[in-house]
Amino acid sequence: MNHTHIIDHPLIKHSLSILRGKDTGTEGFRRHADIISHILIMEVTKCIQVYEKTVLTPLSSTQGFSIQDSLVFVSVLRSGIAILIPALDLFPSTPVGFIGLERDEKTAIAHEYYIKFPSKLRNKHILILDPMLATGGSLVATVSALKNKGAKDISAVCMLAAPEGIDFLHNKHPQVNVYTTAVDSHLNDSKCIVPGLGDFGDRYFGT
């Protein structure tokens, strides 16, 4: 699984176990999805570039740093909003794009119904936010749409992934990095991740 990175952290293990639990309610699900998302974004952006600047403290001047304005978040509707909110907590000035993809329940093929990206993507590091990488169809469509707009440096941030989805994504776009907390066993006949955690959007939004 080249270009697949498992983010390992005790809090992630704890919170992911709560998300998986079938009896976890909406409030608990949202709270622990938020915890996982914050850690994911912090880990994914560890190598983001900074530049030096002088900072005046109450006592003297010292060398400080500032993050370069190089990120763009792309939220895959609707579930990507769950990662987007914590991402903007950490990087509040980052431009945001949205793409709406609806999966056909019979074919599992994703169809685009909405798209809105920032205008300047070529020299940006794009983070696609989508909690569940199942078949990979939505991510493949999102990466293709971003490349059509000039994006080159693209990564995917997911809470859970299936091997089939990772393979499909990397067959179509081998250079895309996937950051996730776990790669689960497989997809079932309904194209759901097993053991997974059920329908992320329904559980997060209470629908």
C-alpha atoms as a PDB file:
ATOM      1  CA  MET A   1       0.000   0.000   0.000  1.00  0.00           C
ATOM      2  CA  ASN A   2       2.429   2.594  -1.233  1.00  0.00           C
ATOM      3  CA  HIS A   3       1.706   6.203  -0.218  1.00  0.00           C
ATOM      4  CA  THR A   4      -0.634   5.055   2.558  1.00  0.00           C
ATOM      5  CA  HIS A   5       0.200   6.437   6.001  1.00  0.00           C
ATOM      6  CA  ILE A   6      -1.375   5.114   9.210  1.00  0.00           C
ATOM      7  CA  ILE A   7      -1.581   7.794  11.904  1.00  0.00           C
ATOM      8  CA  ASP A   8      -1.028   6.063  15.233  1.00  0.00           C
ATOM      9  CA  HIS A   9      -1.872   7.844  18.490  1.00  0.00           C
ATOM     10  CA  PRO A  10      -3.394   6.638  21.792  1.00  0.00           C
ATOM     11  CA  LEU A  11      -6.208   9.194  21.598  1.00  0.00           C
ATOM     12  CA  ILE A  12      -7.042   8.067  18.070  1.00  0.00           C
ATOM     13  CA  LYS A  13      -7.235   4.435  19.184  1.00  0.00           C
ATOM     14  CA  HIS A  14      -9.513   5.425  22.063  1.00  0.00           C
ATOM     15  CA  SER A  15     -11.794   7.691  20.040  1.00  0.00           C
ATOM     16  CA  LEU A  16     -11.962   5.376  17.027  1.00  0.00           C
ATOM     17  CA  SER A  17     -13.140   2.539  19.273  1.00  0.00           C
ATOM     18  CA  ILE A  18     -15.959   4.791  20.503  1.00  0.00           C
ATOM     19  CA  LEU A  19     -16.897   5.737  16.933  1.00  0.00           C
ATOM     20  CA  ARG A  20     -17.068   2.073  15.980  1.00  0.00           C
ATOM     21  CA  GLY A  21     -19.442   1.249  18.853  1.00  0.00           C
ATOM     22  CA  LYS A  22     -22.995   0.777  17.568  1.00  0.00           C
ATOM     23  CA  ASP A  23     -24.471   2.271  20.748  1.00  0.00           C
ATOM     24  CA  THR A  24     -22.504   5.554  20.541  1.00  0.00           C
ATOM     25  CA  GLY A  25     -24.978   8.421  20.163  1.00  0.00           C
ATOM     26  CA  THR A  26     -24.706  11.508  17.977  1.00  0.00           C
ATOM     27  CA  GLU A  27     -23.147  13.705  20.658  1.00  0.00           C
ATOM     28  CA  GLY A  28     -20.408  11.220  21.494  1.00  0.00           C
ATOM     29  CA  PHE A  29     -19.839  10.405  17.851  1.00  0.00           C
ATOM     30  CA  ARG A  30     -19.318  14.064  16.975  1.00  0.00           C
ATOM     31  CA  ARG A  31     -17.025  14.685  19.934  1.00  0.00           C
ATOM     32  CA  HIS A  32     -14.706  11.788  19.144  1.00  0.00           C
ATOM     33  CA  ALA A  33     -14.765  12.447  15.400  1.00  0.00           C
ATOM     34  CA  ASP A  34     -13.592  15.955  16.277  1.00  0.00           C
ATOM     35  CA  ILE A  35     -10.733  14.595  18.409  1.00  0.00           C
ATOM     36  CA  ILE A  36      -9.569  12.272  15.635  1.00  0.00           C
ATOM     37  CA  SER A  37      -9.819  15.024  13.033  1.00  0.00           C
ATOM     38  CA  HIS A  38      -7.679  17.446  15.028  1.00  0.00           C
ATOM     39  CA  ILE A  39      -4.938  14.843  15.454  1.00  0.00           C
ATOM     40  CA  LEU A  40      -5.112  13.806  11.804  1.00  0.00           C
ATOM     41  CA  ILE A  41      -4.711  17.374  10.562  1.00  0.00           C
ATOM     42  CA  MET A  42      -1.845  18.075  12.950  1.00  0.00           C
ATOM     43  CA  GLU A  43      -0.023  14.931  11.837  1.00  0.00           C
ATOM     44  CA  VAL A  44      -0.643  15.470   8.133  1.00  0.00           C
ATOM     45  CA  THR A  45       0.698  19.040   8.314  1.00  0.00           C
ATOM     46  CA  LYS A  46       3.843  18.240  10.335  1.00  0.00           C
ATOM     47  CA  CYS A  47       6.029  18.921   7.287  1.00  0.00           C
ATOM     48  CA  ILE A  48       4.312  22.136   6.233  1.00  0.00           C
ATOM     49  CA  GLN A  49       6.840  24.857   5.479  1.00  0.00           C
ATOM     50  CA  VAL A  50       7.388  27.824   7.759  1.00  0.00           C
ATOM     51  CA  TYR A  51       9.401  30.984   7.367  1.00  0.00           C
ATOM     52  CA  GLU A  52      11.415  32.844   9.964  1.00  0.00           C
ATOM     53  CA  LYS A  53      10.382  36.194  11.354  1.00  0.00           C
ATOM     54  CA  THR A  54      11.346  38.418  14.247  1.00  0.00           C
ATOM     55  CA  VAL A  55       9.001  38.415  17.225  1.00  0.00           C
ATOM     56  CA  LEU A  56       9.017  41.099  19.902  1.00  0.00           C
ATOM     57  CA  THR A  57       8.327  39.653  23.335  1.00  0.00           C
ATOM     58  CA  PRO A  58       7.655  41.869  26.402  1.00  0.00           C
ATOM     59  CA  LEU A  59      11.374  41.551  27.202  1.00  0.00           C
ATOM     60  CA  SER A  60      13.284  41.407  23.911  1.00  0.00           C
ATOM     61  CA  SER A  61      13.211  40.304  20.297  1.00  0.00           C
ATOM     62  CA  THR A  62      13.571  36.639  19.288  1.00  0.00           C
ATOM     63  CA  GLN A  63      13.362  34.439  16.250  1.00  0.00           C
ATOM     64  CA  GLY A  64       9.888  33.168  15.510  1.00  0.00           C
ATOM     65  CA  PHE A  65       8.143  31.334  12.722  1.00  0.00           C
ATOM     66  CA  SER A  66       5.018  31.702  10.631  1.00  0.00           C
ATOM     67  CA  ILE A  67       3.254  29.061   8.554  1.00  0.00           C
ATOM     68  CA  GLN A  68       3.397  29.611   4.828  1.00  0.00           C
ATOM     69  CA  ASP A  69       0.046  30.104   3.137  1.00  0.00           C
ATOM     70  CA  SER A  70       0.241  26.894   1.123  1.00  0.00           C
ATOM     71  CA  LEU A  71      -2.790  24.789   2.095  1.00  0.00           C
ATOM     72  CA  VAL A  72      -6.186  24.288   0.506  1.00  0.00           C
ATOM     73  CA  PHE A  73      -8.866  22.103   2.100  1.00  0.00           C
ATOM     74  CA  VAL A  74     -11.358  20.299  -0.135  1.00  0.00           C
ATOM     75  CA  SER A  75     -14.339  18.865   1.711  1.00  0.00           C
ATOM     76  CA  VAL A  76     -16.221  15.977   0.106  1.00  0.00           C
ATOM     77  CA  LEU A  77     -19.868  16.601   0.958  1.00  0.00           C
ATOM     78  CA  ARG A  78     -21.411  15.850   3.281  1.00  0.00           C
ATOM     79  CA  SER A  79     -19.193  13.851   5.632  1.00  0.00           C
ATOM     80  CA  GLY A  80     -16.042  15.838   4.885  1.00  0.00           C
ATOM     81  CA  ILE A  81     -17.498  18.701   6.918  1.00  0.00           C
ATOM     82  CA  ALA A  82     -16.715  16.660  10.046  1.00  0.00           C
ATOM     83  CA  ILE A  83     -12.976  16.989   9.329  1.00  0.00           C
ATOM     84  CA  LEU A  84     -13.219  20.476   7.832  1.00  0.00           C
ATOM     85  CA  ILE A  85     -14.440  22.139  11.038  1.00  0.00           C
ATOM     86  CA  PRO A  86     -11.440  20.979  13.136  1.00  0.00           C
ATOM     87  CA  ALA A  87      -9.111  21.712  10.207  1.00  0.00           C
ATOM     88  CA  LEU A  88     -10.271  25.323  10.148  1.00  0.00           C
ATOM     89  CA  ASP A  89      -9.808  25.514  13.922  1.00  0.00           C
ATOM     90  CA  LEU A  90      -6.109  24.881  13.306  1.00  0.00           C
ATOM     91  CA  PHE A  91      -5.740  26.763   9.993  1.00  0.00           C
ATOM     92  CA  PRO A  92      -8.504  29.394   9.998  1.00  0.00           C
ATOM     93  CA  SER A  93      -7.276  31.351   6.967  1.00  0.00           C
ATOM     94  CA  THR A  94      -7.037  28.341   4.634  1.00  0.00           C
ATOM     95  CA  PRO A  95      -9.147  28.474   1.451  1.00  0.00           C
ATOM     96  CA  VAL A  96     -11.822  25.777   1.194  1.00  0.00           C
ATOM     97  CA  GLY A  97     -13.253  23.936  -1.783  1.00  0.00           C
ATOM     98  CA  PHE A  98     -16.300  21.689  -1.880  1.00  0.00           C
ATOM     99  CA  ILE A  99     -17.367  18.812  -4.061  1.00  0.00           C
ATOM    100  CA  GLY A 100     -20.657  16.979  -3.843  1.00  0.00           C
ATOM    101  CA  LEU A 101     -20.662  13.347  -4.935  1.00  0.00           C
ATOM    102  CA  GLU A 102     -23.599  10.976  -4.640  1.00  0.00           C
ATOM    103  CA  ARG A 103     -22.990   7.252  -4.838  1.00  0.00           C
ATOM    104  CA  ASP A 104     -25.389   5.112  -6.835  1.00  0.00           C
ATOM    105  CA  GLU A 105     -26.555   2.400  -4.425  1.00  0.00           C
ATOM    106  CA  LYS A 106     -26.617  -0.251  -7.171  1.00  0.00           C
ATOM    107  CA  THR A 107     -23.400   0.510  -9.062  1.00  0.00           C
ATOM    108  CA  ALA A 108     -21.433   2.270  -6.247  1.00  0.00           C
ATOM    109  CA  ILE A 109     -20.342   4.819  -8.877  1.00  0.00           C
ATOM    110  CA  ALA A 110     -20.110   8.409  -7.620  1.00  0.00           C
ATOM    111  CA  HIS A 111     -21.889  11.152  -9.564  1.00  0.00           C
ATOM    112  CA  GLU A 112     -20.921  14.807  -9.119  1.00  0.00           C
ATOM    113  CA  TYR A 113     -23.734  17.210  -8.258  1.00  0.00           C
ATOM    114  CA  TYR A 114     -21.781  20.214  -6.922  1.00  0.00           C
ATOM    115  CA  ILE A 115     -18.271  21.590  -7.253  1.00  0.00           C
ATOM    116  CA  LYS A 116     -16.635  24.824  -6.098  1.00  0.00           C
ATOM    117  CA  PHE A 117     -12.854  25.102  -5.788  1.00  0.00           C
ATOM    118  CA  PRO A 118     -10.594  28.085  -5.010  1.00  0.00           C
ATOM    119  CA  SER A 119      -9.127  29.600  -8.164  1.00  0.00           C
ATOM    120  CA  LYS A 120      -5.415  29.130  -7.416  1.00  0.00           C
ATOM    121  CA  LEU A 121      -4.469  25.480  -6.914  1.00  0.00           C
ATOM    122  CA  ARG A 122      -1.291  24.873  -8.902  1.00  0.00           C
ATOM    123  CA  ASN A 123       1.253  25.683  -6.170  1.00  0.00           C
ATOM    124  CA  LYS A 124      -0.871  24.633  -3.206  1.00  0.00           C
ATOM    125  CA  HIS A 125      -0.889  21.500  -1.088  1.00  0.00           C
ATOM    126  CA  ILE A 126      -4.427  20.159  -1.367  1.00  0.00           C
ATOM    127  CA  LEU A 127      -5.904  18.120   1.471  1.00  0.00           C
ATOM    128  CA  ILE A 128      -9.053  16.229   0.472  1.00  0.00           C
ATOM    129  CA  LEU A 129     -11.193  15.648   3.563  1.00  0.00           C
ATOM    130  CA  ASP A 130     -13.383  12.539   3.433  1.00  0.00           C
ATOM    131  CA  PRO A 131     -13.818  10.360   6.552  1.00  0.00           C
ATOM    132  CA  MET A 132     -14.454   7.047   4.774  1.00  0.00           C
ATOM    133  CA  LEU A 133     -12.392   5.691   1.882  1.00  0.00           C
ATOM    134  CA  ALA A 134     -14.544   2.747   0.810  1.00  0.00           C
ATOM    135  CA  THR A 135     -14.639   1.967  -2.926  1.00  0.00           C
ATOM    136  CA  GLY A 136     -12.405   4.940  -3.741  1.00  0.00           C
ATOM    137  CA  GLY A 137     -14.801   6.244  -6.368  1.00  0.00           C
ATOM    138  CA  SER A 138     -15.433   9.585  -4.666  1.00  0.00           C
ATOM    139  CA  LEU A 139     -11.732  10.244  -4.064  1.00  0.00           C
ATOM    140  CA  VAL A 140     -10.782   9.311  -7.624  1.00  0.00           C
ATOM    141  CA  ALA A 141     -13.436  11.699  -8.959  1.00  0.00           C
ATOM    142  CA  THR A 142     -12.282  14.461  -6.590  1.00  0.00           C
ATOM    143  CA  VAL A 143      -8.609  14.069  -7.516  1.00  0.00           C
ATOM    144  CA  SER A 144      -9.480  14.096 -11.218  1.00  0.00           C
ATOM    145  CA  ALA A 145     -11.544  17.271 -10.786  1.00  0.00           C
ATOM    146  CA  LEU A 146      -8.691  18.949  -8.896  1.00  0.00           C
ATOM    147  CA  LYS A 147      -6.133  17.982 -11.529  1.00  0.00           C
ATOM    148  CA  ASN A 148      -8.388  19.474 -14.185  1.00  0.00           C
ATOM    149  CA  LYS A 149      -8.093  22.758 -12.257  1.00  0.00           C
ATOM    150  CA  GLY A 150      -4.293  22.590 -12.163  1.00  0.00           C
ATOM    151  CA  ALA A 151      -3.684  20.948  -8.779  1.00  0.00           C
ATOM    152  CA  LYS A 152      -0.622  18.719  -8.502  1.00  0.00           C
ATOM    153  CA  ASP A 153       0.203  18.203  -4.810  1.00  0.00           C
ATOM    154  CA  ILE A 154      -2.797  16.276  -3.462  1.00  0.00           C
ATOM    155  CA  SER A 155      -3.308  14.195  -0.332  1.00  0.00           C
ATOM    156  CA  ALA A 156      -6.386  12.497   1.130  1.00  0.00           C
ATOM    157  CA  VAL A 157      -7.273  12.634   4.832  1.00  0.00           C
ATOM    158  CA  CYS A 158      -9.601   9.825   5.962  1.00  0.00           C
ATOM    159  CA  MET A 159     -10.559   8.290   9.284  1.00  0.00           C
ATOM    160  CA  LEU A 160     -11.018   4.778   7.898  1.00  0.00           C
ATOM    161  CA  ALA A 161     -10.045   3.081   4.653  1.00  0.00           C
ATOM    162  CA  ALA A 162     -10.684  -0.204   2.896  1.00  0.00           C
ATOM    163  CA  PRO A 163      -7.924  -1.990   0.946  1.00  0.00           C
ATOM    164  CA  GLU A 164     -10.081  -2.028  -2.179  1.00  0.00           C
ATOM    165  CA  GLY A 165     -10.514   1.746  -2.089  1.00  0.00           C
ATOM    166  CA  ILE A 166      -6.813   2.386  -1.558  1.00  0.00           C
ATOM    167  CA  ASP A 167      -5.921   0.091  -4.444  1.00  0.00           C
ATOM    168  CA  PHE A 168      -8.449   1.738  -6.758  1.00  0.00           C
ATOM    169  CA  LEU A 169      -7.253   5.234  -5.877  1.00  0.00           C
ATOM    170  CA  HIS A 170      -3.596   4.387  -6.370  1.00  0.00           C
ATOM    171  CA  ASN A 171      -4.279   2.583  -9.648  1.00  0.00           C
ATOM    172  CA  LYS A 172      -5.818   5.805 -10.968  1.00  0.00           C
ATOM    173  CA  HIS A 173      -3.663   8.343  -9.103  1.00  0.00           C
ATOM    174  CA  PRO A 174      -0.561   6.582  -7.723  1.00  0.00           C
ATOM    175  CA  GLN A 175       1.089   9.781  -6.438  1.00  0.00           C
ATOM    176  CA  VAL A 176      -1.716  10.714  -4.012  1.00  0.00           C
ATOM    177  CA  ASN A 177      -0.864  10.184  -0.338  1.00  0.00           C
ATOM    178  CA  VAL A 178      -3.559   8.713   1.901  1.00  0.00           C
ATOM    179  CA  TYR A 179      -3.526   9.508   5.621  1.00  0.00           C
ATOM    180  CA  THR A 180      -5.833   7.390   7.761  1.00  0.00           C
ATOM    181  CA  THR A 181      -6.171   5.960  11.263  1.00  0.00           C
ATOM    182  CA  ALA A 182      -6.802   2.380  10.121  1.00  0.00           C
ATOM    183  CA  VAL A 183      -7.097   0.161   7.063  1.00  0.00           C
ATOM    184  CA  ASP A 184      -9.972  -2.213   7.772  1.00  0.00           C
ATOM    185  CA  SER A 185     -10.533  -5.752   6.493  1.00  0.00           C
ATOM    186  CA  HIS A 186     -12.656  -5.420   3.354  1.00  0.00           C
ATOM    187  CA  LEU A 187     -15.819  -4.144   1.675  1.00  0.00           C
ATOM    188  CA  ASN A 188     -18.985  -6.205   1.991  1.00  0.00           C
ATOM    189  CA  ASP A 189     -21.510  -6.832  -0.781  1.00  0.00           C
ATOM    190  CA  SER A 190     -23.079  -3.432  -0.071  1.00  0.00           C
ATOM    191  CA  LYS A 191     -19.669  -1.726  -0.525  1.00  0.00           C
ATOM    192  CA  CYS A 192     -19.507  -0.830   3.164  1.00  0.00           C
ATOM    193  CA  ILE A 193     -16.252  -0.983   5.135  1.00  0.00           C
ATOM    194  CA  VAL A 194     -15.988  -3.981   7.480  1.00  0.00           C
ATOM    195  CA  PRO A 195     -15.748  -3.803  10.457  1.00  0.00           C
ATOM    196  CA  GLY A 196     -16.051  -0.050   9.856  1.00  0.00           C
ATOM    197  CA  LEU A 197     -18.405   2.105  11.888  1.00  0.00           C
ATOM    198  CA  GLY A 198     -21.574   2.235   9.819  1.00  0.00           C
ATOM    199  CA  ASP A 199     -22.716   5.235   7.771  1.00  0.00           C
ATOM    200  CA  PHE A 200     -20.480   8.067   8.978  1.00  0.00           C
ATOM    201  CA  GLY A 201     -22.700  10.885   7.703  1.00  0.00           C
ATOM    202  CA  ASP A 202     -25.878   9.480   9.227  1.00  0.00           C
ATOM    203  CA  ARG A 203     -24.210   8.942  12.589  1.00  0.00           C
ATOM    204  CA  TYR A 204     -22.426  12.317  12.632  1.00  0.00           C
ATOM    205  CA  PHE A 205     -25.428  14.389  11.508  1.00  0.00           C
ATOM    206  CA  GLY A 206     -28.073  12.344  13.326  1.00  0.00           C
ATOM    207  CA  THR A 207     -30.036  11.508  10.183  1.00  0.00           C
END
